[in-house]
């Protein structure tokens, strides 16, 4: 069957030879390349990168192209296909034709979940042992469908693709900062507390950018975030809902209700009452937003039973402070005034997302298996992690630290206090690396 391979030429400028970066729509626009974790690509297997849009997945694929070419892979054996531009039939036709022409291929499928029947396509590529790297903005179906690809070479090759965490941001902004790293429950800051002023200043900058690469580059160049970045975030959030076949209006009202909570506990029934829908609908929409890497829903732990207490109230956190700020702009607030007036709430959100990014691994260690929070009639702990049947608490106190008695060990994250169980939050987050399966 004849296929229009010429449709791919503009998306694969490296086929022309050296200097292709000047023609590439991703690489030609950037002022500076932000280093990201490199992953090994296992030949004859499928690698999945799932994460929120605008986090840099397309750019990451182009950097991978450069790496493959530098390692001696012939440029015409590398094919990049933006899946939001073609049908599954067209994509399969391109791959089959190029395989006939060039033999073994490296196939890069960007936003593969735009294709109807994308799981079937990956299944076929896996069976044909074609080296495939696929990205998706991670609506509900990419997680669900990826789990239905056993034995196709996906195991161990699936990664979360997140915005930059604070550690990555800080070391990009100031490469002279020390390379310190520690576990979430064993923070050792002796080698970095002398850098507190520099790290604390960068932390405030991070809260404004949220780790989204384009916002980071904006800020590095001008110390401001372009207004269009906030619009991009709102569009991507509501776009994920529409792409999942749901109501944009319901999603908007639900997110506005979540936004008004500012981190306070809530149950599905209350959110349903505020948005005028049923609580199963609320649960469904929150699941879509979480799968799209926009929010996390934290459930309360029943510590005595060592499991979540599903009927208790929840906490909902935004996975990046830039998402929360974008909604503030959408609701008519000034972004700088919003950040300054809501620092502690944004910090609590950022701590939760960073600890989860530090621990999570697709399939084998998803957020719901280890993260939650704790409350009783007298007190609350912002984030509680369960590992090996034991609990560990993390409480954010951006003002004066007041210790509480919890049924588990805990540390306190402060603005500028340092003690045996108290650490400045900026130093703590600086020491947290992403997990081995998080980019």
Protein backbone atom coordinates (compact mmCIF):
# COMPACT_ATOMS: atom_id res chain seq x y z
CA UNK A 1 0.00 0.00 0.00
CA UNK A 2 1.40 3.40 -1.01
CA UNK A 3 1.67 5.92 1.83
CA UNK A 4 2.51 9.63 1.82
CA UNK A 5 5.87 9.50 3.58
CA UNK A 6 6.42 13.12 2.52
CA UNK A 7 3.96 14.10 5.28
CA UNK A 8 6.67 13.17 7.78
CA UNK A 9 9.58 15.11 6.23
CA UNK A 10 8.95 18.37 8.09
CA UNK A 11 8.76 16.46 11.37
CA UNK A 12 12.04 14.60 10.74
CA UNK A 13 14.56 17.25 9.55
CA UNK A 14 17.53 15.02 10.56
CA UNK A 15 16.82 12.97 7.45
CA UNK A 16 18.47 15.85 5.53
CA UNK A 17 21.76 15.59 7.40
CA UNK A 18 23.82 17.93 9.60
CA UNK A 19 22.41 21.22 10.85
CA UNK A 20 18.91 19.81 11.16
CA UNK A 21 18.44 21.37 14.60
CA UNK A 22 17.90 24.78 12.96
CA UNK A 23 14.84 23.41 11.16
CA UNK A 24 13.39 21.40 14.03
CA UNK A 25 10.25 23.07 15.45
CA UNK A 26 11.26 22.14 19.02
CA UNK A 27 15.02 22.65 19.11
CA UNK A 28 15.06 25.80 16.96
CA UNK A 29 12.90 27.71 19.46
CA UNK A 30 14.87 27.14 22.66
CA UNK A 31 17.38 29.58 24.05
CA UNK A 32 18.97 27.04 26.36
CA UNK A 33 18.70 23.30 26.97
CA UNK A 34 17.66 22.27 30.48
CA UNK A 35 19.43 19.01 31.42
CA UNK A 36 17.07 16.12 32.13
CA UNK A 37 17.73 12.62 33.38
CA UNK A 38 18.87 10.30 30.61
CA UNK A 39 17.23 6.91 30.29
CA UNK A 40 18.54 3.87 28.51
CA UNK A 41 16.52 2.77 25.49
CA UNK A 42 16.30 -0.99 25.31
CA UNK A 43 16.31 -2.16 21.71
CA UNK A 44 13.39 -4.24 20.42
CA UNK A 45 11.20 -3.03 23.28
CA UNK A 46 8.57 -0.39 24.06
CA UNK A 47 9.39 2.56 26.31
CA UNK A 48 6.48 4.63 27.65
CA UNK A 49 6.84 8.19 28.97
CA UNK A 50 3.65 9.45 30.58
CA UNK A 51 3.11 12.85 32.07
CA UNK A 52 1.43 16.22 31.87
CA UNK A 53 1.60 18.21 28.65
CA UNK A 54 4.03 21.17 28.45
CA UNK A 55 6.46 19.30 30.72
CA UNK A 56 8.90 18.87 27.81
CA UNK A 57 8.21 15.38 26.44
CA UNK A 58 8.42 16.38 22.75
CA UNK A 59 11.65 18.27 23.35
CA UNK A 60 13.02 15.27 25.25
CA UNK A 61 12.36 13.05 22.23
CA UNK A 62 14.34 15.42 19.99
CA UNK A 63 17.27 15.35 22.42
CA UNK A 64 17.03 11.56 22.23
CA UNK A 65 17.26 11.80 18.43
CA UNK A 66 20.51 13.78 18.78
CA UNK A 67 21.87 11.19 21.18
CA UNK A 68 21.02 8.26 18.89
CA UNK A 69 22.63 9.95 15.90
CA UNK A 70 25.75 10.74 17.94
CA UNK A 71 25.95 7.06 18.87
CA UNK A 72 26.03 6.07 15.21
CA UNK A 73 22.39 5.23 14.48
CA UNK A 74 21.67 6.22 10.83
CA UNK A 75 19.40 9.27 10.85
CA UNK A 76 16.89 7.75 8.41
CA UNK A 77 16.31 4.83 10.76
CA UNK A 78 14.90 7.26 13.32
CA UNK A 79 11.31 8.34 12.74
CA UNK A 80 9.36 10.84 14.84
CA UNK A 81 5.57 10.85 14.43
CA UNK A 82 3.34 13.44 16.16
CA UNK A 83 0.29 11.28 16.70
CA UNK A 84 -2.14 14.18 17.05
CA UNK A 85 -1.66 14.84 13.31
CA UNK A 86 -2.35 11.37 11.89
CA UNK A 87 -4.63 8.34 12.15
CA UNK A 88 -3.51 4.97 13.50
CA UNK A 89 -3.76 3.53 9.99
CA UNK A 90 -1.48 6.26 8.64
CA UNK A 91 1.04 5.78 11.46
CA UNK A 92 1.20 2.03 10.90
CA UNK A 93 1.57 2.61 7.15
CA UNK A 94 4.49 5.01 7.71
CA UNK A 95 6.26 2.53 9.96
CA UNK A 96 5.76 -0.42 7.60
CA UNK A 97 7.03 1.55 4.59
CA UNK A 98 10.09 2.91 6.39
CA UNK A 99 10.91 -0.53 7.74
CA UNK A 100 10.91 -1.89 4.18
CA UNK A 101 13.26 0.91 3.10
CA UNK A 102 15.66 1.07 6.03
CA UNK A 103 15.31 -2.14 8.04
CA UNK A 104 15.42 -1.77 11.82
CA UNK A 105 13.83 1.45 13.09
CA UNK A 106 13.68 3.63 16.16
CA UNK A 107 10.06 4.82 16.26
CA UNK A 108 9.20 7.86 18.39
CA UNK A 109 5.44 8.24 18.85
CA UNK A 110 4.60 11.59 20.44
CA UNK A 111 1.22 11.84 22.24
CA UNK A 112 0.32 8.30 21.20
CA UNK A 113 -2.99 8.40 23.11
CA UNK A 114 -4.45 10.69 20.45
CA UNK A 115 -4.68 7.61 18.23
CA UNK A 116 -7.83 5.51 18.39
CA UNK A 117 -6.67 2.00 19.18
CA UNK A 118 -3.20 3.09 20.23
CA UNK A 119 -2.85 0.05 22.48
CA UNK A 120 -3.32 -2.25 19.49
CA UNK A 121 -0.62 -0.32 17.60
CA UNK A 122 1.87 -0.69 20.47
CA UNK A 123 0.97 -4.35 20.77
CA UNK A 124 1.78 -4.85 17.08
CA UNK A 125 5.05 -2.94 17.34
CA UNK A 126 6.00 -4.97 20.41
CA UNK A 127 5.28 -8.22 18.61
CA UNK A 128 7.37 -7.01 15.64
CA UNK A 129 10.18 -6.13 18.09
CA UNK A 130 10.43 -2.57 16.79
CA UNK A 131 12.26 -0.25 19.18
CA UNK A 132 9.51 2.19 20.18
CA UNK A 133 9.45 5.22 22.47
CA UNK A 134 5.91 6.52 23.05
CA UNK A 135 4.75 9.53 25.04
CA UNK A 136 1.29 10.33 26.34
CA UNK A 137 -0.23 13.09 28.42
CA UNK A 138 -1.58 10.34 30.61
CA UNK A 139 -5.36 10.50 30.66
CA UNK A 140 -6.97 7.56 32.41
CA UNK A 141 -6.63 5.23 29.45
CA UNK A 142 -2.82 5.34 29.14
CA UNK A 143 -2.38 3.91 32.62
CA UNK A 144 -5.16 1.39 32.16
CA UNK A 145 -4.07 0.34 28.69
CA UNK A 146 -0.36 0.16 29.55
CA UNK A 147 -1.24 -2.40 32.15
CA UNK A 148 -2.74 -4.50 29.35
CA UNK A 149 0.59 -4.88 27.53
CA UNK A 150 2.25 -7.69 29.50
CA UNK A 151 5.12 -9.43 27.79
CA UNK A 152 5.46 -6.69 25.13
CA UNK A 153 8.74 -5.35 26.49
CA UNK A 154 7.13 -2.55 28.53
CA UNK A 155 8.03 -3.94 31.94
CA UNK A 156 10.75 -1.78 33.49
CA UNK A 157 10.58 0.65 30.56
CA UNK A 158 7.74 2.89 31.72
CA UNK A 159 8.51 6.31 33.18
CA UNK A 160 6.68 9.29 34.60
CA UNK A 161 7.61 12.55 32.90
CA UNK A 162 7.13 15.38 35.37
CA UNK A 163 7.97 19.08 35.39
CA UNK A 164 11.39 19.88 36.84
CA UNK A 165 11.52 19.34 40.58
CA UNK A 166 13.12 21.96 42.80
CA UNK A 167 16.48 20.20 42.86
CA UNK A 168 16.65 20.13 39.04
CA UNK A 169 15.49 23.75 38.82
CA UNK A 170 17.97 25.02 41.40
CA UNK A 171 20.95 23.23 39.86
CA UNK A 172 19.99 24.55 36.42
CA UNK A 173 19.77 28.11 37.74
CA UNK A 174 22.98 27.77 39.78
CA UNK A 175 25.23 24.86 38.67
CA UNK A 176 27.65 25.64 41.52
CA UNK A 177 25.25 24.32 44.16
CA UNK A 178 26.46 21.12 45.86
CA UNK A 179 25.24 17.73 44.61
CA UNK A 180 23.57 16.56 47.82
CA UNK A 181 20.82 13.93 47.82
CA UNK A 182 19.01 12.00 50.56
CA UNK A 183 15.89 9.95 51.30
CA UNK A 184 12.67 11.68 52.31
CA UNK A 185 12.85 10.17 55.82
CA UNK A 186 16.59 10.63 56.36
CA UNK A 187 17.38 14.22 55.43
CA UNK A 188 20.99 15.24 56.02
CA UNK A 189 21.54 18.94 55.34
CA UNK A 190 24.94 19.57 56.93
CA UNK A 191 26.56 20.03 53.53
CA UNK A 192 23.95 22.48 52.22
CA UNK A 193 22.69 24.64 55.08
CA UNK A 194 25.53 27.11 54.41
CA UNK A 195 23.84 27.65 51.03
CA UNK A 196 20.48 28.42 52.64
CA UNK A 197 20.14 31.99 51.32
CA UNK A 198 20.83 31.00 47.73
CA UNK A 199 18.59 27.92 47.89
CA UNK A 200 15.75 29.74 49.66
CA UNK A 201 15.78 32.51 47.03
CA UNK A 202 15.64 29.94 44.25
CA UNK A 203 12.78 28.15 46.02
CA UNK A 204 10.59 31.24 45.80
CA UNK A 205 11.47 31.47 42.11
CA UNK A 206 10.52 27.82 41.70
CA UNK A 207 7.09 28.44 43.20
CA UNK A 208 6.48 30.94 40.40
CA UNK A 209 7.62 28.69 37.55
CA UNK A 210 6.30 25.36 38.84
CA UNK A 211 9.13 23.58 37.04
CA UNK A 212 7.53 23.82 33.59
CA UNK A 213 10.47 24.22 31.18
CA UNK A 214 9.11 27.15 29.14
CA UNK A 215 8.20 29.05 32.30
CA UNK A 216 11.66 28.30 33.74
CA UNK A 217 13.36 29.67 30.63
CA UNK A 218 11.07 32.72 30.69
CA UNK A 219 12.01 33.38 34.29
CA UNK A 220 15.74 32.87 33.78
CA UNK A 221 15.72 35.38 30.92
CA UNK A 222 13.38 38.05 32.28
CA UNK A 223 12.52 37.23 35.93
CA UNK A 224 8.88 37.06 34.89
CA UNK A 225 6.47 34.44 33.53
CA UNK A 226 4.78 35.24 30.22
CA UNK A 227 1.01 35.54 30.46
CA UNK A 228 0.63 32.96 27.70
CA UNK A 229 2.09 30.29 30.01
CA UNK A 230 -0.90 30.58 32.34
CA UNK A 231 -3.25 30.32 29.37
CA UNK A 232 -1.39 27.22 28.13
CA UNK A 233 -1.84 25.55 31.52
CA UNK A 234 -5.58 26.27 31.64
CA UNK A 235 -6.01 25.00 28.10
CA UNK A 236 -4.13 21.78 28.79
CA UNK A 237 -6.09 21.11 32.00
CA UNK A 238 -9.49 21.60 30.40
CA UNK A 239 -8.29 19.90 27.22
CA UNK A 240 -7.58 16.67 29.06
CA UNK A 241 -11.16 16.66 30.30
CA UNK A 242 -12.61 17.23 26.83
CA UNK A 243 -10.27 14.59 25.36
CA UNK A 244 -11.70 12.14 27.88
CA UNK A 245 -15.22 12.89 26.67
CA UNK A 246 -16.27 14.79 29.78
CA UNK A 247 -17.84 18.20 30.40
CA UNK A 248 -15.50 21.16 30.47
CA UNK A 249 -18.05 23.12 32.52
CA UNK A 250 -18.24 20.48 35.25
CA UNK A 251 -14.46 20.23 35.35
CA UNK A 252 -14.11 23.99 35.63
CA UNK A 253 -16.63 24.22 38.49
CA UNK A 254 -14.99 21.30 40.28
CA UNK A 255 -11.52 22.82 39.97
CA UNK A 256 -12.81 26.16 41.21
CA UNK A 257 -14.27 24.38 44.26
CA UNK A 258 -10.95 22.60 44.86
CA UNK A 259 -9.13 25.91 44.46
CA UNK A 260 -11.30 27.57 47.09
CA UNK A 261 -10.44 24.83 49.59
CA UNK A 262 -6.77 25.91 49.65
CA UNK A 263 -5.73 22.52 51.02
CA UNK A 264 -8.53 22.02 53.55
CA UNK A 265 -10.07 18.56 53.90
CA UNK A 266 -13.21 17.74 51.96
CA UNK A 267 -15.39 14.79 50.99
CA UNK A 268 -16.93 13.87 47.66
CA UNK A 269 -20.45 14.65 48.85
CA UNK A 270 -19.52 18.24 49.70
CA UNK A 271 -17.81 18.75 46.35
CA UNK A 272 -20.84 17.23 44.62
CA UNK A 273 -23.16 19.64 46.42
CA UNK A 274 -21.01 22.62 45.42
CA UNK A 275 -20.85 21.61 41.76
CA UNK A 276 -24.38 20.26 41.37
CA UNK A 277 -23.38 16.76 40.25
CA UNK A 278 -23.37 13.33 41.90
CA UNK A 279 -20.48 12.25 44.11
CA UNK A 280 -19.60 9.36 41.72
CA UNK A 281 -19.20 12.03 39.02
CA UNK A 282 -16.91 14.03 41.29
CA UNK A 283 -14.83 10.92 41.93
CA UNK A 284 -14.62 10.20 38.18
CA UNK A 285 -13.51 13.73 37.26
CA UNK A 286 -10.90 13.83 40.01
CA UNK A 287 -9.55 10.49 38.76
CA UNK A 288 -9.15 11.94 35.26
CA UNK A 289 -7.39 15.03 36.59
CA UNK A 290 -5.06 12.87 38.66
CA UNK A 291 -4.26 10.56 35.77
CA UNK A 292 -3.47 13.65 33.70
CA UNK A 293 -0.89 14.60 36.38
CA UNK A 294 -2.76 17.79 37.34
CA UNK A 295 -3.78 16.97 40.93
CA UNK A 296 -3.19 14.34 43.58
CA UNK A 297 -6.05 13.20 45.80
CA UNK A 298 -4.65 12.19 49.18
CA UNK A 299 -6.68 9.86 51.35
CA UNK A 300 -6.52 9.71 55.14
CA UNK A 301 -4.72 6.76 56.70
CA UNK A 302 -6.27 4.43 59.23
CA UNK A 303 -2.98 3.94 61.04
CA UNK A 304 -4.21 1.10 63.27
CA UNK A 305 -5.36 -0.94 60.26
CA UNK A 306 -2.44 0.21 58.07
CA UNK A 307 -4.69 1.15 55.19
CA UNK A 308 -6.57 4.13 53.82
CA UNK A 309 -9.84 5.10 55.48
CA UNK A 310 -11.79 5.58 52.24
CA UNK A 311 -14.86 7.09 53.90
CA UNK A 312 -12.91 9.88 55.62
CA UNK A 313 -12.27 13.30 54.13
CA UNK A 314 -9.64 13.80 51.42
CA UNK A 315 -7.05 16.43 50.61
CA UNK A 316 -6.51 17.56 47.02
CA UNK A 317 -3.20 19.08 45.99
CA UNK A 318 -2.01 20.52 42.70
CA UNK A 319 0.99 18.69 41.29
CA UNK A 320 2.73 21.97 40.38
CA UNK A 321 2.36 25.45 41.90
CA UNK A 322 2.15 26.87 38.37
CA UNK A 323 -1.12 24.99 37.84
CA UNK A 324 -2.60 26.60 40.96
CA UNK A 325 -1.29 30.03 39.91
CA UNK A 326 -2.74 29.61 36.42
CA UNK A 327 -6.16 29.00 37.98
CA UNK A 328 -5.72 32.08 40.15
CA UNK A 329 -5.03 34.13 37.00
CA UNK A 330 -8.03 32.49 35.33
CA UNK A 331 -10.17 33.63 38.29
CA UNK A 332 -8.92 37.20 38.00
CA UNK A 333 -6.02 37.33 40.48
CA UNK A 334 -2.56 38.79 39.96
CA UNK A 335 -0.01 35.94 39.81
CA UNK A 336 2.63 37.54 42.04
CA UNK A 337 0.08 38.64 44.64
CA UNK A 338 -1.42 35.15 44.60
CA UNK A 339 1.94 33.45 45.21
CA UNK A 340 2.88 35.88 47.98
CA UNK A 341 -0.52 35.52 49.67
CA UNK A 342 -0.68 31.73 49.45
CA UNK A 343 2.91 30.65 50.02
CA UNK A 344 2.22 28.10 52.75
CA UNK A 345 -0.51 26.37 50.74
CA UNK A 346 1.68 26.26 47.62
CA UNK A 347 4.56 24.91 49.70
CA UNK A 348 2.36 22.13 51.12
CA UNK A 349 1.34 21.17 47.58
CA UNK A 350 4.95 21.22 46.42
CA UNK A 351 6.15 19.05 49.31
CA UNK A 352 3.47 16.45 48.58
CA UNK A 353 4.27 16.29 44.86
CA UNK A 354 8.04 16.16 45.41
CA UNK A 355 7.91 13.32 47.94
CA UNK A 356 5.58 11.38 45.64
CA UNK A 357 7.88 12.00 42.64
CA UNK A 358 10.76 10.83 44.87
CA UNK A 359 9.08 7.47 45.53
CA UNK A 360 6.64 6.59 42.75
CA UNK A 361 7.25 3.97 40.09
CA UNK A 362 4.73 3.03 37.39
CA UNK A 363 2.64 -0.04 38.20
CA UNK A 364 4.77 -1.34 41.10
CA UNK A 365 4.62 1.77 43.33
CA UNK A 366 1.78 4.08 42.41
CA UNK A 367 0.91 7.02 44.65
CA UNK A 368 -2.15 5.38 46.23
CA UNK A 369 0.00 2.54 47.63
CA UNK A 370 2.21 4.72 49.83
CA UNK A 371 0.98 8.32 50.17
CA UNK A 372 -1.77 9.83 52.30
CA UNK A 373 -2.27 12.10 55.29
CA UNK A 374 -3.50 11.79 58.87
CA UNK A 375 -6.03 13.52 61.03
CA UNK A 376 -7.94 12.93 64.23
CA UNK A 377 -10.10 15.16 66.42
CA UNK A 378 -7.14 17.25 67.57
CA UNK A 379 -4.49 17.37 64.87
CA UNK A 380 -3.51 16.75 61.28
CA UNK A 381 -0.29 15.77 59.52
CA UNK A 382 0.04 17.11 55.96
CA UNK A 383 1.68 14.07 54.36
CA UNK A 384 2.16 10.55 55.72
CA UNK A 385 4.13 7.90 53.82
CA UNK A 386 3.73 4.17 54.38
CA UNK A 387 6.75 1.99 53.62
CA UNK A 388 7.24 -1.62 54.69
CA UNK A 389 4.18 -1.37 56.92
CA UNK A 390 5.49 1.67 58.84
CA UNK A 391 4.35 5.29 58.71
CA UNK A 392 6.41 8.47 58.51
CA UNK A 393 4.92 11.97 58.74
CA UNK A 394 5.91 15.26 57.11
CA UNK A 395 4.33 18.42 58.49
CA UNK A 396 4.79 21.83 56.83
CA UNK A 397 4.99 24.74 59.29
CA UNK A 398 6.00 27.85 57.38
CA UNK A 399 5.47 29.93 60.50
CA UNK A 400 6.58 28.96 64.01
CA UNK A 401 6.97 25.21 64.47
CA UNK A 402 4.68 23.69 67.09
CA UNK A 403 5.34 20.01 67.66
CA UNK A 404 2.49 17.52 67.99
CA UNK A 405 2.30 13.93 69.10
CA UNK A 406 1.54 11.55 66.25
CA UNK A 407 1.30 7.75 66.30
CA UNK A 408 4.37 7.67 64.01
CA UNK A 409 7.71 9.53 63.70
CA UNK A 410 7.55 12.86 61.88
CA UNK A 411 9.68 15.76 60.71
CA UNK A 412 8.70 19.41 60.45
CA UNK A 413 9.47 21.56 57.42
CA UNK A 414 9.91 25.22 58.32
CA UNK A 415 10.79 28.40 56.49
CA UNK A 416 14.06 29.04 58.29
CA UNK A 417 14.31 26.89 61.45
CA UNK A 418 16.86 24.08 61.69
CA UNK A 419 16.94 21.50 64.46
CA UNK A 420 16.96 17.78 65.19
CA UNK A 421 13.54 17.22 63.61
CA UNK A 422 13.07 20.60 61.90
CA UNK A 423 14.47 21.46 58.47
CA UNK A 424 13.96 24.46 56.17
CA UNK A 425 11.65 23.25 53.43
CA UNK A 426 13.87 24.61 50.66
CA UNK A 427 16.83 22.54 51.88
CA UNK A 428 14.64 19.46 52.27
CA UNK A 429 13.22 19.65 48.76
CA UNK A 430 16.63 20.43 47.30
CA UNK A 431 17.85 17.08 48.60
CA UNK A 432 15.03 15.02 47.06
CA UNK A 433 15.84 13.36 43.76
CA UNK A 434 13.10 11.94 41.57
CA UNK A 435 12.74 8.17 41.61
CA UNK A 436 14.62 6.04 39.12
CA UNK A 437 11.44 5.77 37.04
CA UNK A 438 10.66 9.49 36.98
CA UNK A 439 12.20 11.93 34.51
